Protein backbone atom coordinates (compact mmCIF):
# COMPACT_ATOMS: atom_id res chain seq x y z
CA MET A 1 6.40 49.57 -3.49
CA LEU A 2 4.27 49.73 -7.10
CA VAL A 3 1.27 48.25 -5.58
CA ILE A 4 1.28 50.52 -2.33
CA ALA A 5 1.65 53.56 -4.14
CA ALA A 6 -1.04 53.04 -6.52
CA ALA A 7 -3.51 51.99 -3.71
CA VAL A 8 -2.16 55.41 -1.87
CA THR A 9 -2.79 57.41 -4.93
CA PHE A 10 -6.05 55.80 -5.94
CA PHE A 11 -7.41 56.10 -2.02
CA LEU A 12 -6.43 59.96 -2.48
CA ALA A 13 -7.92 60.55 -5.61
CA ASP A 14 -10.96 58.91 -4.19
CA ARG A 15 -10.80 61.28 -0.90
CA TRP A 16 -9.82 64.40 -2.53
CA SER A 17 -10.05 66.06 -6.09
CA ALA A 18 -9.07 63.47 -8.88
CA ASN A 19 -8.08 66.46 -10.55
CA GLY A 20 -5.50 67.60 -8.10
CA VAL A 21 -4.07 63.99 -8.07
CA VAL A 22 -3.76 64.06 -11.77
CA GLN A 23 -2.16 67.45 -11.81
CA GLY A 24 0.24 66.21 -9.11
CA VAL A 25 1.29 62.92 -10.86
CA SER A 26 1.56 64.64 -14.33
CA TRP A 27 4.67 66.39 -12.99
CA LEU A 28 6.02 63.29 -12.97
CA VAL A 29 5.74 62.47 -16.76
CA ILE A 30 6.47 65.96 -17.71
CA GLY A 31 9.49 65.88 -15.71
CA PHE A 32 10.96 62.38 -16.99
CA LEU A 33 9.86 62.50 -20.43
CA ALA A 34 8.51 65.84 -21.64
CA LEU A 35 11.44 68.02 -20.51
CA PRO A 36 14.21 65.87 -21.42
CA PHE A 37 12.73 65.27 -25.12
CA GLY A 38 11.86 69.04 -25.24
CA PHE A 39 15.46 69.90 -24.45
CA THR A 40 16.36 67.98 -27.25
CA ILE A 41 14.14 69.34 -29.67
CA ALA A 42 14.66 72.64 -28.91
CA LEU A 43 18.83 72.28 -29.16
CA SER A 44 18.10 70.62 -32.59
CA ALA A 45 16.03 73.52 -33.86
CA VAL A 46 18.67 75.96 -32.56
CA ALA A 47 21.35 74.04 -33.96
CA LEU A 48 19.50 73.66 -37.43
CA VAL A 49 18.87 77.48 -37.48
CA LEU A 50 22.34 77.83 -36.76
CA THR A 51 23.33 75.77 -39.73
CA VAL A 52 21.35 77.52 -41.90
CA VAL A 53 21.92 81.11 -40.90
CA LEU A 54 26.10 80.68 -40.23
CA SER A 55 26.52 78.59 -43.34
CA ALA A 56 24.78 80.99 -45.79
CA LEU A 57 27.11 83.83 -44.15
CA ALA A 58 30.17 81.61 -45.01
CA LEU A 59 29.24 80.70 -47.99
CA PRO A 60 31.61 83.40 -49.64
CA PHE A 61 34.73 82.10 -47.52
CA TRP A 62 33.96 78.39 -48.72
CA LEU A 63 33.98 79.79 -52.31
CA SER A 64 36.88 81.45 -51.83
CA GLY A 65 38.62 78.60 -50.16
CA ARG A 66 39.56 80.24 -46.60
CA ARG A 67 39.08 78.41 -43.44
CA THR A 68 36.12 79.47 -41.20
CA GLY A 69 36.18 77.32 -38.35
CA LEU A 70 31.98 76.69 -39.02
CA ARG A 71 32.75 73.04 -38.73
CA ASP A 72 33.86 72.97 -35.09
CA LEU A 73 31.13 75.29 -34.04
CA LEU A 74 28.48 73.33 -35.49
CA ARG A 75 29.66 69.80 -34.62
CA ASP A 76 29.59 71.16 -31.15
CA ALA A 77 26.27 72.79 -31.27
CA TRP A 78 24.79 69.42 -32.67
CA GLY A 79 26.60 67.78 -29.85
CA LEU A 80 24.88 69.54 -27.49
CA ALA A 81 21.59 68.12 -28.77
CA GLY A 82 22.88 64.85 -29.24
CA HIS A 83 23.93 64.73 -25.45
CA VAL A 84 20.81 65.42 -23.65
CA LEU A 85 18.86 62.05 -23.57
CA PRO A 86 22.12 59.91 -22.99
CA GLY A 87 22.97 62.17 -20.33
CA PHE A 88 19.87 61.74 -19.22
CA TRP A 89 19.57 57.92 -19.21
CA CYS A 90 22.72 57.82 -17.53
CA ALA A 91 22.12 59.82 -14.60
CA VAL A 92 18.47 58.00 -14.48
CA ARG A 93 20.28 54.81 -14.45
CA ARG A 94 22.53 55.89 -11.82
CA VAL A 95 19.60 56.04 -9.38
CA ARG A 96 19.48 52.51 -7.51
CA ARG A 97 16.66 53.11 -5.66
CA PRO A 98 13.92 50.28 -6.84
CA ARG A 99 11.38 51.43 -4.36
CA LEU A 100 11.67 54.87 -5.80
CA TRP A 101 10.72 53.82 -9.03
CA GLY A 102 8.10 51.68 -7.65
CA ALA A 103 6.62 54.81 -5.74
CA MET A 104 6.54 56.96 -9.08
CA ALA A 105 5.39 54.19 -11.55
CA GLY A 106 2.81 53.07 -8.74
CA SER A 107 1.40 56.58 -8.60
CA VAL A 108 1.03 56.80 -12.49
CA VAL A 109 -0.67 53.53 -12.54
CA GLY A 110 -2.75 54.47 -9.75
CA CYS A 111 -3.86 57.94 -11.04
CA ALA A 112 -4.30 56.09 -14.43
CA LEU A 113 -6.46 53.26 -13.09
CA PHE A 114 -8.90 55.75 -10.85
CA VAL A 115 -9.44 57.85 -14.09
CA LEU A 116 -10.03 54.71 -15.99
CA LEU A 117 -12.84 53.21 -13.45
CA ARG A 118 -14.25 56.49 -12.02
CA GLY A 119 -13.18 59.14 -14.07
CA PHE A 120 -12.51 62.87 -12.84
CA GLY A 121 -15.07 62.87 -10.31
CA THR A 122 -15.15 62.01 -6.89
CA GLY A 123 -16.80 59.12 -4.93
């Protein structure tokens, strides 16, 4: 399936605009790489800001020995950032269709091969 999808993608890029095919195939890369990593980075940044700001606000209570409950909140916030990629990987592994993975990988390979051999022009 990988070879068939690569050949079809190469043919479509040759027939139509290579830019359009590259844009279409780039959504696969964005959806399967950029978004999960972006969500993880964004959630980590939010957890870091929460940690700094709430720790500064809770400092007087910590120094007086009072319980704030901040530890539980921050554990949950950092847990969100830590669960995105493993959860995404488990969801991807549950898809048991090798033809689907072959088609997706083949379209990326065919597009990259076309751009490598002919550039973004047609013909």
